[in-house]
Amino acid sequence: MIDMRINPDVVNPLLGYRLDPGEPGLASSSPASLSVIRVLSQETGNLMAFKKEAAQNGGYVVYSRISLNMQKRGSFLAAIAGKTEVMVVYKDKNKKDLDKNNNVFDKKDADKNIKKEQKIQKLEMLINRLKGYVNSEEDSEIKSDIENKIKILENQLIMLKLGNYISNQNDDILGMIFTAYF
């Protein structure tokens, strides 16, 4: 006589996982039917840890990828391993290294600041000239067109003056958010 019972251990086997040395998390088992969720949650946690570390140290995550190694286990396509790849760029760290070597970065920063100041001065001069034209212009269409261009240039001037401040402020806020919640 043939035994027609289904063995659950054959259909949905229990898969054991281990973590890489130094990787945070729990090395727990999972049935094959839940293995994708188990491995993906571990790798997502690793990705968030990388993003948190980058934000705290002044870096930017420019690339991230999570890949799962899938194989058939029992009746299911199961995730047997996962891998998280992250590329982080640290602008301040590279700056400090260059400063120690030959002070090239200080010169570049000074040149950038001079160029920025020159752009600001040129933009302010252009705005003042256009305001002079608006006062002397009699045609209402031309006058409104020049006023619109002045508003655009004034917005560009504000963004140019505040651009670096806003960018640094956003980085600090992002670091505080990651510190508070993770």
N, C-alpha and C. Protein backbone atom coordinates (compact mmCIF):
# COMPACT_ATOMS: atom_id res chain seq x y z
N MET A 1 0.82 -1.17 0.00
CA MET A 1 0.00 0.00 0.00
C MET A 1 0.87 1.24 0.00
N ILE A 2 0.43 2.28 -0.74
CA ILE A 2 1.18 3.51 -0.90
C ILE A 2 0.71 4.52 0.14
N ASP A 3 1.70 5.16 0.79
CA ASP A 3 1.39 6.18 1.80
C ASP A 3 1.16 7.51 1.08
N MET A 4 -0.04 8.09 1.16
CA MET A 4 -0.42 9.29 0.42
C MET A 4 -0.35 10.57 1.26
N ARG A 5 0.24 10.50 2.43
CA ARG A 5 0.34 11.69 3.26
C ARG A 5 1.45 12.61 2.75
N ILE A 6 1.22 13.90 2.92
CA ILE A 6 2.22 14.89 2.50
C ILE A 6 3.02 15.30 3.73
N ASN A 7 4.32 15.23 3.59
CA ASN A 7 5.21 15.62 4.67
C ASN A 7 5.48 17.12 4.57
N PRO A 8 5.07 17.93 5.56
CA PRO A 8 5.26 19.39 5.47
C PRO A 8 6.73 19.79 5.43
N ASP A 9 7.61 18.99 6.00
CA ASP A 9 9.03 19.31 5.97
C ASP A 9 9.63 19.19 4.57
N VAL A 10 9.01 18.40 3.73
CA VAL A 10 9.47 18.26 2.35
C VAL A 10 8.89 19.37 1.48
N VAL A 11 7.64 19.72 1.70
CA VAL A 11 6.97 20.74 0.89
C VAL A 11 7.46 22.14 1.24
N ASN A 12 7.62 22.41 2.53
CA ASN A 12 8.00 23.75 3.00
C ASN A 12 9.12 23.61 4.04
N PRO A 13 10.36 23.31 3.60
CA PRO A 13 11.43 23.04 4.56
C PRO A 13 11.84 24.30 5.33
N LEU A 14 12.41 24.09 6.50
CA LEU A 14 12.90 25.16 7.33
C LEU A 14 14.33 25.48 6.90
N LEU A 15 14.59 26.75 6.56
CA LEU A 15 15.91 27.16 6.10
C LEU A 15 16.64 27.90 7.21
N GLY A 16 17.88 27.54 7.43
CA GLY A 16 18.70 28.20 8.44
C GLY A 16 19.55 29.28 7.79
N TYR A 17 19.72 30.38 8.47
CA TYR A 17 20.52 31.49 7.96
C TYR A 17 21.60 31.83 8.96
N ARG A 18 22.70 32.37 8.46
CA ARG A 18 23.73 32.91 9.32
C ARG A 18 24.11 34.29 8.81
N LEU A 19 24.56 35.13 9.71
CA LEU A 19 24.91 36.50 9.36
C LEU A 19 26.41 36.61 9.11
N ASP A 20 26.80 37.56 8.32
CA ASP A 20 28.21 37.84 8.11
C ASP A 20 28.81 38.35 9.41
N PRO A 21 30.10 38.14 9.64
CA PRO A 21 30.72 38.65 10.87
C PRO A 21 30.54 40.16 10.99
N GLY A 22 30.06 40.60 12.14
CA GLY A 22 29.85 42.02 12.38
C GLY A 22 28.51 42.55 11.89
N GLU A 23 27.74 41.74 11.21
CA GLU A 23 26.44 42.19 10.69
C GLU A 23 25.41 42.14 11.81
N PRO A 24 24.68 43.24 12.03
CA PRO A 24 23.69 43.23 13.10
C PRO A 24 22.45 42.43 12.69
N GLY A 25 21.74 41.92 13.67
CA GLY A 25 20.52 41.19 13.40
C GLY A 25 20.53 39.84 14.08
N LEU A 26 19.47 39.08 13.88
CA LEU A 26 19.34 37.75 14.47
C LEU A 26 19.42 36.70 13.38
N ALA A 27 20.20 35.68 13.64
CA ALA A 27 20.32 34.58 12.68
C ALA A 27 19.24 33.55 13.00
N SER A 28 18.06 33.78 12.50
CA SER A 28 16.95 32.88 12.78
C SER A 28 16.56 32.09 11.53
N SER A 29 15.90 31.00 11.76
CA SER A 29 15.44 30.17 10.65
C SER A 29 14.13 30.69 10.11
N SER A 30 13.79 30.21 8.91
CA SER A 30 12.54 30.62 8.28
C SER A 30 12.08 29.50 7.35
N PRO A 31 10.78 29.26 7.27
CA PRO A 31 10.30 28.29 6.28
C PRO A 31 10.52 28.85 4.87
N ALA A 32 10.63 27.99 3.91
CA ALA A 32 10.89 28.40 2.54
C ALA A 32 9.83 29.37 2.02
N SER A 33 8.60 29.21 2.47
CA SER A 33 7.52 30.09 2.00
C SER A 33 7.69 31.53 2.48
N LEU A 34 8.41 31.74 3.58
CA LEU A 34 8.62 33.09 4.12
C LEU A 34 10.07 33.57 3.97
N SER A 35 10.88 32.83 3.25
CA SER A 35 12.30 33.14 3.17
C SER A 35 12.59 34.47 2.47
N VAL A 36 11.81 34.81 1.46
CA VAL A 36 12.05 36.06 0.74
C VAL A 36 11.84 37.25 1.68
N ILE A 37 10.78 37.21 2.47
CA ILE A 37 10.51 38.29 3.42
C ILE A 37 11.61 38.35 4.47
N ARG A 38 12.05 37.20 4.96
CA ARG A 38 13.08 37.14 5.99
C ARG A 38 14.39 37.75 5.50
N VAL A 39 14.86 37.33 4.34
CA VAL A 39 16.14 37.80 3.82
C VAL A 39 16.03 39.26 3.39
N LEU A 40 14.94 39.63 2.76
CA LEU A 40 14.77 41.01 2.31
C LEU A 40 14.70 41.99 3.48
N SER A 41 14.06 41.58 4.58
CA SER A 41 14.01 42.48 5.74
C SER A 41 15.39 42.65 6.36
N GLN A 42 16.19 41.60 6.38
CA GLN A 42 17.56 41.71 6.90
C GLN A 42 18.39 42.65 6.03
N GLU A 43 18.29 42.49 4.72
CA GLU A 43 19.08 43.32 3.80
C GLU A 43 18.59 44.77 3.81
N THR A 44 17.30 45.00 3.98
CA THR A 44 16.77 46.36 4.08
C THR A 44 17.28 47.03 5.35
N GLY A 45 17.35 46.27 6.43
CA GLY A 45 17.93 46.80 7.66
C GLY A 45 19.39 47.18 7.48
N ASN A 46 20.15 46.36 6.74
CA ASN A 46 21.54 46.69 6.45
C ASN A 46 21.64 47.98 5.63
N LEU A 47 20.76 48.14 4.64
CA LEU A 47 20.76 49.34 3.81
C LEU A 47 20.48 50.59 4.65
N MET A 48 19.50 50.49 5.54
CA MET A 48 19.17 51.63 6.41
C MET A 48 20.34 51.95 7.34
N ALA A 49 21.06 50.95 7.80
CA ALA A 49 22.23 51.18 8.66
C ALA A 49 23.32 51.91 7.88
N PHE A 50 23.53 51.53 6.62
CA PHE A 50 24.51 52.22 5.79
C PHE A 50 24.12 53.68 5.55
N LYS A 51 22.83 53.91 5.26
CA LYS A 51 22.35 55.28 5.04
C LYS A 51 22.49 56.12 6.30
N LYS A 52 22.20 55.53 7.45
CA LYS A 52 22.33 56.24 8.72
C LYS A 52 23.79 56.63 8.97
N GLU A 53 24.68 55.68 8.77
CA GLU A 53 26.11 55.95 8.98
C GLU A 53 26.61 57.04 8.02
N ALA A 54 26.16 56.97 6.78
CA ALA A 54 26.58 57.97 5.80
C ALA A 54 26.08 59.36 6.19
N ALA A 55 24.83 59.47 6.61
CA ALA A 55 24.27 60.76 6.98
C ALA A 55 24.95 61.33 8.21
N GLN A 56 25.28 60.48 9.17
CA GLN A 56 25.94 60.95 10.38
C GLN A 56 27.36 61.43 10.11
N ASN A 57 28.02 60.85 9.13
CA ASN A 57 29.40 61.20 8.83
C ASN A 57 29.54 62.18 7.68
N GLY A 58 28.42 62.75 7.22
CA GLY A 58 28.48 63.75 6.16
C GLY A 58 28.61 63.18 4.76
N GLY A 59 28.18 61.96 4.56
CA GLY A 59 28.28 61.33 3.25
C GLY A 59 26.94 61.27 2.54
N TYR A 60 27.00 60.88 1.28
CA TYR A 60 25.81 60.74 0.45
C TYR A 60 25.80 59.34 -0.15
N VAL A 61 24.66 58.67 -0.07
CA VAL A 61 24.51 57.38 -0.73
C VAL A 61 24.15 57.68 -2.18
N VAL A 62 25.05 57.33 -3.08
CA VAL A 62 24.82 57.61 -4.50
C VAL A 62 24.34 56.38 -5.25
N TYR A 63 24.47 55.20 -4.64
CA TYR A 63 24.05 53.97 -5.30
C TYR A 63 23.76 52.93 -4.23
N SER A 64 22.68 52.21 -4.38
CA SER A 64 22.41 51.10 -3.48
C SER A 64 21.68 50.00 -4.26
N ARG A 65 21.96 48.75 -3.85
CA ARG A 65 21.34 47.61 -4.54
C ARG A 65 21.25 46.44 -3.57
N ILE A 66 20.09 45.83 -3.55
CA ILE A 66 19.89 44.62 -2.77
C ILE A 66 19.63 43.48 -3.75
N SER A 67 20.38 42.40 -3.59
CA SER A 67 20.17 41.24 -4.47
C SER A 67 19.95 40.00 -3.59
N LEU A 68 19.08 39.13 -4.07
CA LEU A 68 18.76 37.90 -3.37
C LEU A 68 19.17 36.70 -4.21
N ASN A 69 19.76 35.72 -3.58
CA ASN A 69 20.11 34.48 -4.25
C ASN A 69 18.93 33.53 -4.07
N MET A 70 18.27 33.21 -5.17
CA MET A 70 17.04 32.42 -5.12
C MET A 70 17.30 31.00 -5.64
N GLN A 71 16.74 30.02 -4.92
CA GLN A 71 16.81 28.62 -5.34
C GLN A 71 15.51 27.92 -4.92
N LYS A 72 15.22 26.83 -5.59
CA LYS A 72 14.01 26.06 -5.25
C LYS A 72 14.30 25.20 -4.03
N ARG A 73 13.44 25.37 -3.03
CA ARG A 73 13.53 24.55 -1.82
C ARG A 73 12.13 24.02 -1.55
N GLY A 74 11.98 22.73 -1.59
CA GLY A 74 10.66 22.12 -1.44
C GLY A 74 9.78 22.53 -2.61
N SER A 75 8.61 23.06 -2.31
CA SER A 75 7.69 23.51 -3.35
C SER A 75 7.81 25.00 -3.64
N PHE A 76 8.78 25.67 -3.04
CA PHE A 76 8.86 27.12 -3.12
C PHE A 76 10.18 27.59 -3.72
N LEU A 77 10.10 28.74 -4.36
CA LEU A 77 11.31 29.44 -4.78
C LEU A 77 11.72 30.29 -3.58
N ALA A 78 12.84 29.94 -2.98
CA ALA A 78 13.22 30.53 -1.70
C ALA A 78 14.48 31.38 -1.84
N ALA A 79 14.58 32.39 -0.99
CA ALA A 79 15.79 33.21 -0.90
C ALA A 79 16.74 32.52 0.07
N ILE A 80 17.88 32.09 -0.44
CA ILE A 80 18.82 31.39 0.44
C ILE A 80 19.94 32.32 0.92
N ALA A 81 20.10 33.48 0.28
CA ALA A 81 21.12 34.44 0.71
C ALA A 81 20.76 35.81 0.15
N GLY A 82 21.34 36.84 0.74
CA GLY A 82 21.12 38.20 0.28
C GLY A 82 22.40 39.00 0.33
N LYS A 83 22.43 40.07 -0.44
CA LYS A 83 23.62 40.91 -0.51
C LYS A 83 23.18 42.36 -0.68
N THR A 84 23.76 43.26 0.09
CA THR A 84 23.47 44.68 -0.01
C THR A 84 24.73 45.41 -0.46
N GLU A 85 24.62 46.17 -1.53
CA GLU A 85 25.74 46.97 -2.03
C GLU A 85 25.37 48.44 -1.91
N VAL A 86 26.30 49.22 -1.38
CA VAL A 86 26.07 50.65 -1.21
C VAL A 86 27.34 51.39 -1.58
N MET A 87 27.17 52.48 -2.35
CA MET A 87 28.30 53.35 -2.66
C MET A 87 28.03 54.69 -1.98
N VAL A 88 28.95 55.08 -1.09
CA VAL A 88 28.81 56.30 -0.31
C VAL A 88 29.95 57.24 -0.67
N VAL A 89 29.63 58.51 -0.85
CA VAL A 89 30.64 59.53 -1.12
C VAL A 89 30.70 60.45 0.08
N TYR A 90 31.90 60.59 0.64
CA TYR A 90 32.13 61.49 1.77
C TYR A 90 32.90 62.69 1.27
N LYS A 91 32.25 63.83 1.17
CA LYS A 91 32.95 65.01 0.64
C LYS A 91 33.88 65.62 1.68
N ASP A 92 33.50 65.66 2.94
CA ASP A 92 34.33 66.28 3.97
C ASP A 92 35.57 65.45 4.26
N LYS A 93 35.45 64.13 4.22
CA LYS A 93 36.59 63.26 4.48
C LYS A 93 37.65 63.45 3.41
N ASN A 94 37.24 63.51 2.14
CA ASN A 94 38.19 63.72 1.06
C ASN A 94 38.84 65.09 1.18
N LYS A 95 38.08 66.07 1.62
CA LYS A 95 38.60 67.41 1.78
C LYS A 95 39.70 67.43 2.84
N LYS A 96 39.48 66.74 3.96
CA LYS A 96 40.48 66.71 5.03
C LYS A 96 41.75 66.00 4.55
N ASP A 97 41.58 64.91 3.80
CA ASP A 97 42.75 64.20 3.30
C ASP A 97 43.55 65.09 2.36
N LEU A 98 42.90 65.82 1.48
CA LEU A 98 43.60 66.71 0.57
C LEU A 98 44.26 67.86 1.32
N ASP A 99 43.59 68.37 2.34
CA ASP A 99 44.17 69.46 3.12
C ASP A 99 45.47 69.03 3.78
N LYS A 100 45.52 67.81 4.29
CA LYS A 100 46.73 67.32 4.94
C LYS A 100 47.87 67.16 3.93
N ASN A 101 47.52 66.76 2.73
CA ASN A 101 48.56 66.47 1.75
C ASN A 101 49.21 67.72 1.18
N ASN A 102 48.42 68.63 0.58
CA ASN A 102 49.07 69.75 -0.10
C ASN A 102 48.23 71.02 -0.16
N ASN A 103 47.19 71.14 0.64
CA ASN A 103 46.36 72.35 0.71
C ASN A 103 45.77 72.77 -0.63
N VAL A 104 45.62 71.84 -1.55
CA VAL A 104 45.03 72.15 -2.84
C VAL A 104 43.56 72.49 -2.69
N PHE A 105 42.90 71.82 -1.79
CA PHE A 105 41.46 72.02 -1.63
C PHE A 105 41.13 73.42 -1.13
N ASP A 106 41.97 73.96 -0.22
CA ASP A 106 41.75 75.31 0.27
C ASP A 106 41.78 76.32 -0.88
N LYS A 107 42.70 76.14 -1.79
CA LYS A 107 42.80 77.05 -2.93
C LYS A 107 41.56 76.94 -3.82
N LYS A 108 41.09 75.71 -4.03
CA LYS A 108 39.89 75.51 -4.85
C LYS A 108 38.68 76.15 -4.18
N ASP A 109 38.56 75.99 -2.86
CA ASP A 109 37.44 76.61 -2.14
C ASP A 109 37.50 78.13 -2.25
N ALA A 110 38.68 78.69 -2.12
CA ALA A 110 38.82 80.14 -2.22
C ALA A 110 38.44 80.61 -3.62
N ASP A 111 38.87 79.87 -4.64
CA ASP A 111 38.52 80.22 -6.02
C ASP A 111 37.01 80.14 -6.23
N LYS A 112 36.37 79.12 -5.67
CA LYS A 112 34.92 78.98 -5.81
C LYS A 112 34.20 80.15 -5.13
N ASN A 113 34.68 80.54 -3.95
CA ASN A 113 34.06 81.66 -3.24
C ASN A 113 34.22 82.96 -4.01
N ILE A 114 35.39 83.17 -4.61
CA ILE A 114 35.62 84.38 -5.41
C ILE A 114 34.70 84.39 -6.62
N LYS A 115 34.60 83.26 -7.30
CA LYS A 115 33.72 83.18 -8.48
C LYS A 115 32.26 83.40 -8.08
N LYS A 116 31.86 82.85 -6.94
CA LYS A 116 30.50 83.03 -6.47
C LYS A 116 30.22 84.50 -6.18
N GLU A 117 31.16 85.17 -5.52
CA GLU A 117 31.00 86.60 -5.23
C GLU A 117 30.92 87.42 -6.52
N GLN A 118 31.74 87.04 -7.51
CA GLN A 118 31.69 87.74 -8.79
C GLN A 118 30.34 87.54 -9.48
N LYS A 119 29.81 86.34 -9.43
CA LYS A 119 28.48 86.08 -10.01
C LYS A 119 27.41 86.91 -9.32
N ILE A 120 27.50 86.98 -7.99
CA ILE A 120 26.53 87.76 -7.23
C ILE A 120 26.59 89.22 -7.62
N GLN A 121 27.81 89.76 -7.73
CA GLN A 121 27.97 91.18 -8.11
C GLN A 121 27.43 91.44 -9.51
N LYS A 122 27.73 90.56 -10.46
CA LYS A 122 27.25 90.74 -11.83
C LYS A 122 25.73 90.68 -11.88
N LEU A 123 25.16 89.75 -11.14
CA LEU A 123 23.70 89.60 -11.11
C LEU A 123 23.05 90.84 -10.49
N GLU A 124 23.62 91.38 -9.43
CA GLU A 124 23.08 92.58 -8.80
C GLU A 124 23.17 93.78 -9.76
N MET A 125 24.27 93.89 -10.49
CA MET A 125 24.41 94.98 -11.47
C MET A 125 23.37 94.86 -12.57
N LEU A 126 23.15 93.63 -13.06
CA LEU A 126 22.17 93.41 -14.11
C LEU A 126 20.77 93.76 -13.62
N ILE A 127 20.44 93.37 -12.40
CA ILE A 127 19.12 93.69 -11.84
C ILE A 127 18.95 95.21 -11.74
N ASN A 128 19.98 95.91 -11.27
CA ASN A 128 19.89 97.37 -11.15
C ASN A 128 19.72 98.04 -12.52
N ARG A 129 20.42 97.54 -13.53
CA ARG A 129 20.27 98.09 -14.89
C ARG A 129 18.85 97.89 -15.40
N LEU A 130 18.33 96.67 -15.20
CA LEU A 130 16.97 96.39 -15.66
C LEU A 130 15.94 97.26 -14.93
N LYS A 131 16.16 97.52 -13.65
CA LYS A 131 15.25 98.40 -12.92
C LYS A 131 15.28 99.81 -13.49
N GLY A 132 16.47 100.24 -13.93
CA GLY A 132 16.58 101.55 -14.59
C GLY A 132 15.80 101.58 -15.89
N TYR A 133 15.88 100.48 -16.66
CA TYR A 133 15.12 100.41 -17.91
C TYR A 133 13.62 100.42 -17.65
N VAL A 134 13.17 99.74 -16.59
CA VAL A 134 11.75 99.71 -16.27
C VAL A 134 11.25 101.12 -15.98
N ASN A 135 12.02 101.90 -15.24
CA ASN A 135 11.61 103.26 -14.90
C ASN A 135 11.52 104.16 -16.12
N SER A 136 12.38 103.91 -17.12
CA SER A 136 12.38 104.79 -18.29
C SER A 136 11.47 104.27 -19.41
N GLU A 137 11.01 103.06 -19.33
CA GLU A 137 10.20 102.47 -20.41
C GLU A 137 8.74 102.93 -20.31
N GLU A 138 8.16 103.23 -21.47
CA GLU A 138 6.78 103.69 -21.51
C GLU A 138 5.81 102.61 -21.98
N ASP A 139 6.26 101.65 -22.77
CA ASP A 139 5.40 100.57 -23.28
C ASP A 139 5.11 99.58 -22.14
N SER A 140 3.84 99.34 -21.86
CA SER A 140 3.46 98.51 -20.71
C SER A 140 3.84 97.04 -20.91
N GLU A 141 3.77 96.51 -22.14
CA GLU A 141 4.14 95.12 -22.39
C GLU A 141 5.62 94.89 -22.14
N ILE A 142 6.43 95.76 -22.65
CA ILE A 142 7.88 95.65 -22.45
C ILE A 142 8.22 95.83 -20.97
N LYS A 143 7.53 96.76 -20.34
CA LYS A 143 7.75 97.03 -18.92
C LYS A 143 7.43 95.79 -18.08
N SER A 144 6.29 95.13 -18.34
CA SER A 144 5.92 93.94 -17.58
C SER A 144 6.87 92.77 -17.85
N ASP A 145 7.34 92.66 -19.10
CA ASP A 145 8.29 91.61 -19.45
C ASP A 145 9.60 91.80 -18.68
N ILE A 146 10.09 93.04 -18.63
CA ILE A 146 11.33 93.32 -17.89
C ILE A 146 11.13 93.07 -16.40
N GLU A 147 9.98 93.44 -15.85
CA GLU A 147 9.71 93.21 -14.43
C GLU A 147 9.69 91.72 -14.11
N ASN A 148 9.13 90.90 -15.00
CA ASN A 148 9.15 89.44 -14.81
C ASN A 148 10.57 88.90 -14.81
N LYS A 149 11.40 89.42 -15.73
CA LYS A 149 12.79 88.97 -15.78
C LYS A 149 13.55 89.40 -14.54
N ILE A 150 13.22 90.57 -14.00
CA ILE A 150 13.86 91.03 -12.77
C ILE A 150 13.51 90.08 -11.62
N LYS A 151 12.25 89.66 -11.54
CA LYS A 151 11.84 88.74 -10.48
C LYS A 151 12.58 87.41 -10.57
N ILE A 152 12.73 86.92 -11.80
CA ILE A 152 13.46 85.66 -12.01
C ILE A 152 14.91 85.82 -11.57
N LEU A 153 15.54 86.91 -11.96
CA LEU A 153 16.94 87.15 -11.59
C LEU A 153 17.10 87.34 -10.08
N GLU A 154 16.13 88.00 -9.44
CA GLU A 154 16.19 88.17 -7.99
C GLU A 154 16.08 86.82 -7.28
N ASN A 155 15.23 85.93 -7.79
CA ASN A 155 15.12 84.58 -7.22
C ASN A 155 16.42 83.81 -7.38
N GLN A 156 17.05 83.95 -8.55
CA GLN A 156 18.33 83.29 -8.77
C GLN A 156 19.39 83.84 -7.82
N LEU A 157 19.35 85.14 -7.59
CA LEU A 157 20.30 85.77 -6.68
C LEU A 157 20.13 85.24 -5.26
N ILE A 158 18.88 85.13 -4.82
CA ILE A 158 18.61 84.59 -3.48
C ILE A 158 19.11 83.15 -3.38
N MET A 159 18.82 82.34 -4.39
CA MET A 159 19.26 80.95 -4.37
C MET A 159 20.78 80.85 -4.39
N LEU A 160 21.43 81.72 -5.12
CA LEU A 160 22.89 81.72 -5.18
C LEU A 160 23.48 82.09 -3.82
N LYS A 161 22.87 83.07 -3.16
CA LYS A 161 23.37 83.50 -1.85
C LYS A 161 23.11 82.45 -0.78
N LEU A 162 21.97 81.77 -0.83
CA LEU A 162 21.58 80.83 0.22
C LEU A 162 21.84 79.37 -0.13
N GLY A 163 22.27 79.10 -1.34
CA GLY A 163 22.40 77.72 -1.82
C GLY A 163 23.19 76.81 -0.91
N ASN A 164 24.40 77.18 -0.54
CA ASN A 164 25.24 76.32 0.29
C ASN A 164 24.66 76.19 1.69
N TYR A 165 24.08 77.26 2.21
CA TYR A 165 23.51 77.21 3.55
C TYR A 165 22.35 76.22 3.61
N ILE A 166 21.47 76.27 2.60
CA ILE A 166 20.31 75.37 2.56
C ILE A 166 20.79 73.93 2.43
N SER A 167 21.77 73.67 1.58
CA SER A 167 22.27 72.32 1.37
C SER A 167 22.86 71.75 2.65
N ASN A 168 23.69 72.53 3.36
CA ASN A 168 24.29 72.05 4.60
C ASN A 168 23.24 71.83 5.67
N GLN A 169 22.22 72.70 5.71
CA GLN A 169 21.16 72.57 6.70
C GLN A 169 20.38 71.28 6.47
N ASN A 170 20.09 70.95 5.22
CA ASN A 170 19.36 69.71 4.92
C ASN A 170 20.17 68.49 5.34
N ASP A 171 21.48 68.50 5.12
CA ASP A 171 22.32 67.38 5.53
C ASP A 171 22.27 67.19 7.04
N ASP A 172 22.34 68.29 7.79
CA ASP A 172 22.30 68.21 9.25
C ASP A 172 20.96 67.65 9.72
N ILE A 173 19.86 68.10 9.11
CA ILE A 173 18.53 67.62 9.48
C ILE A 173 18.40 66.14 9.19
N LEU A 174 18.89 65.69 8.04
CA LEU A 174 18.82 64.27 7.68
C LEU A 174 19.59 63.43 8.69
N GLY A 175 20.76 63.90 9.12
CA GLY A 175 21.54 63.17 10.12
C GLY A 175 20.81 63.08 11.44
N MET A 176 20.12 64.16 11.84
CA MET A 176 19.37 64.13 13.09
C MET A 176 18.20 63.17 13.00
N ILE A 177 17.53 63.11 11.86
CA ILE A 177 16.40 62.19 11.69
C ILE A 177 16.87 60.75 11.82
N PHE A 178 17.97 60.40 11.14
CA PHE A 178 18.47 59.02 11.22
C PHE A 178 18.91 58.68 12.63
N THR A 179 19.52 59.64 13.34
CA THR A 179 19.95 59.39 14.71
C THR A 179 18.76 59.17 15.61
N ALA A 180 17.69 59.93 15.42
CA ALA A 180 16.52 59.84 16.30
C ALA A 180 15.72 58.56 16.09
N TYR A 181 15.62 58.08 14.87
CA TYR A 181 14.71 56.98 14.57
C TYR A 181 15.38 55.63 14.35
N PHE A 182 16.69 55.59 14.19
CA PHE A 182 17.32 54.29 13.90
C PHE A 182 18.41 53.98 14.89
